[in-house]
Amino acid sequence: MEKISNVLDKKIKCFIWSLVASGIFMIFLAILIVWTDLILRLIIGLLALVVAYIFLFGAYKLWTIKKIIDKYIKF
């Protein structure tokens, strides 16, 4: 059980760091929004890409965690 705990802990830490990095990136984009209309359009487009990336990355990480759990615990 310690082995599965270590693997899950590692995957969860990776997911947390990716969310922190995405959050910092979104704060940077929020600061850029206040400058011009052109940048505002660019930021909205990039924000949509970032949200899509977060959803896809989150789904991938949950899928890998599910595979790990299925490997060690047969349901």
C-alpha atoms as a PDB file:
ATOM      1  CA  MET A   1       0.000   0.000   0.000  1.00  0.00           C
ATOM      2  CA  GLU A   2       2.935   2.341   0.552  1.00  0.00           C
ATOM      3  CA  LYS A   3       3.905   2.003  -3.098  1.00  0.00           C
ATOM      4  CA  ILE A   4       0.479   3.094  -4.350  1.00  0.00           C
ATOM      5  CA  SER A   5       0.455   5.923  -1.838  1.00  0.00           C
ATOM      6  CA  ASN A   6       3.787   7.233  -3.131  1.00  0.00           C
ATOM      7  CA  VAL A   7       2.696   7.009  -6.757  1.00  0.00           C
ATOM      8  CA  LEU A   8      -0.610   8.787  -6.089  1.00  0.00           C
ATOM      9  CA  ASP A   9       1.148  11.443  -4.019  1.00  0.00           C
ATOM     10  CA  LYS A  10       3.560  12.115  -6.879  1.00  0.00           C
ATOM     11  CA  LYS A  11       0.729  12.391  -9.448  1.00  0.00           C
ATOM     12  CA  ILE A  12      -1.318  14.706  -7.220  1.00  0.00           C
ATOM     13  CA  LYS A  13       1.691  16.970  -6.605  1.00  0.00           C
ATOM     14  CA  CYS A  14       2.272  17.211 -10.359  1.00  0.00           C
ATOM     15  CA  PHE A  15      -1.383  18.136 -10.889  1.00  0.00           C
ATOM     16  CA  ILE A  16      -1.218  20.788  -8.142  1.00  0.00           C
ATOM     17  CA  TRP A  17       1.898  22.374  -9.641  1.00  0.00           C
ATOM     18  CA  SER A  18       0.310  22.502 -13.083  1.00  0.00           C
ATOM     19  CA  LEU A  19      -2.737  24.261 -11.621  1.00  0.00           C
ATOM     20  CA  VAL A  20      -0.481  26.745  -9.809  1.00  0.00           C
ATOM     21  CA  ALA A  21       1.424  27.468 -13.015  1.00  0.00           C
ATOM     22  CA  SER A  22      -1.830  27.933 -14.928  1.00  0.00           C
ATOM     23  CA  GLY A  23      -3.108  30.258 -12.210  1.00  0.00           C
ATOM     24  CA  ILE A  24       0.030  32.407 -12.355  1.00  0.00           C
ATOM     25  CA  PHE A  25      -0.256  32.551 -16.136  1.00  0.00           C
ATOM     26  CA  MET A  26      -3.897  33.627 -15.871  1.00  0.00           C
ATOM     27  CA  ILE A  27      -2.976  36.384 -13.389  1.00  0.00           C
ATOM     28  CA  PHE A  28      -0.392  37.644 -15.865  1.00  0.00           C
ATOM     29  CA  LEU A  29      -3.021  37.621 -18.596  1.00  0.00           C
ATOM     30  CA  ALA A  30      -5.461  39.480 -16.340  1.00  0.00           C
ATOM     31  CA  ILE A  31      -2.890  42.246 -15.891  1.00  0.00           C
ATOM     32  CA  LEU A  32      -2.461  42.499 -19.664  1.00  0.00           C
ATOM     33  CA  ILE A  33      -6.210  42.834 -20.202  1.00  0.00           C
ATOM     34  CA  VAL A  34      -6.344  46.386 -18.865  1.00  0.00           C
ATOM     35  CA  TRP A  35      -4.023  47.838 -21.545  1.00  0.00           C
ATOM     36  CA  THR A  36      -5.639  47.756 -25.009  1.00  0.00           C
ATOM     37  CA  ASP A  37      -8.575  46.326 -26.924  1.00  0.00           C
ATOM     38  CA  LEU A  38      -6.330  44.338 -29.251  1.00  0.00           C
ATOM     39  CA  ILE A  39      -4.624  42.699 -26.315  1.00  0.00           C
ATOM     40  CA  LEU A  40      -8.074  42.074 -24.803  1.00  0.00           C
ATOM     41  CA  ARG A  41      -9.117  40.045 -27.860  1.00  0.00           C
ATOM     42  CA  LEU A  42      -5.831  38.168 -27.784  1.00  0.00           C
ATOM     43  CA  ILE A  43      -6.189  37.495 -24.068  1.00  0.00           C
ATOM     44  CA  ILE A  44      -9.724  36.133 -24.439  1.00  0.00           C
ATOM     45  CA  GLY A  45      -8.495  33.745 -27.126  1.00  0.00           C
ATOM     46  CA  LEU A  46      -5.553  32.654 -25.014  1.00  0.00           C
ATOM     47  CA  LEU A  47      -7.791  32.271 -21.978  1.00  0.00           C
ATOM     48  CA  ALA A  48      -9.997  29.881 -23.922  1.00  0.00           C
ATOM     49  CA  LEU A  49      -6.900  27.877 -24.872  1.00  0.00           C
ATOM     50  CA  VAL A  50      -5.655  27.817 -21.275  1.00  0.00           C
ATOM     51  CA  VAL A  51      -9.016  26.604 -19.963  1.00  0.00           C
ATOM     52  CA  ALA A  52      -9.112  23.911 -22.638  1.00  0.00           C
ATOM     53  CA  TYR A  53      -5.571  22.859 -21.695  1.00  0.00           C
ATOM     54  CA  ILE A  54      -6.480  22.692 -17.996  1.00  0.00           C
ATOM     55  CA  PHE A  55      -9.473  20.465 -18.729  1.00  0.00           C
ATOM     56  CA  LEU A  56      -7.487  18.159 -21.008  1.00  0.00           C
ATOM     57  CA  PHE A  57      -4.537  17.962 -18.600  1.00  0.00           C
ATOM     58  CA  GLY A  58      -6.837  17.313 -15.653  1.00  0.00           C
ATOM     59  CA  ALA A  59      -8.601  14.548 -17.543  1.00  0.00           C
ATOM     60  CA  TYR A  60      -5.261  12.993 -18.471  1.00  0.00           C
ATOM     61  CA  LYS A  61      -4.003  13.090 -14.875  1.00  0.00           C
ATOM     62  CA  LEU A  62      -7.222  11.582 -13.528  1.00  0.00           C
ATOM     63  CA  TRP A  63      -6.997   8.865 -16.184  1.00  0.00           C
ATOM     64  CA  THR A  64      -3.421   8.011 -15.152  1.00  0.00           C
ATOM     65  CA  ILE A  65      -4.453   7.929 -11.480  1.00  0.00           C
ATOM     66  CA  LYS A  66      -7.330   5.592 -12.402  1.00  0.00           C
ATOM     67  CA  LYS A  67      -4.899   3.310 -14.241  1.00  0.00           C
ATOM     68  CA  ILE A  68      -2.611   3.212 -11.195  1.00  0.00           C
ATOM     69  CA  ILE A  69      -5.486   2.410  -8.860  1.00  0.00           C
ATOM     70  CA  ASP A  70      -6.742  -0.304 -11.210  1.00  0.00           C
ATOM     71  CA  LYS A  71      -3.236  -1.768 -11.370  1.00  0.00           C
ATOM     72  CA  TYR A  72      -2.965  -2.161  -7.587  1.00  0.00           C
ATOM     73  CA  ILE A  73      -6.605  -2.643  -6.596  1.00  0.00           C
ATOM     74  CA  LYS A  74      -8.824  -4.817  -8.752  1.00  0.00           C
ATOM     75  CA  PHE A  75     -12.487  -3.781  -8.571  1.00  0.00           C
END
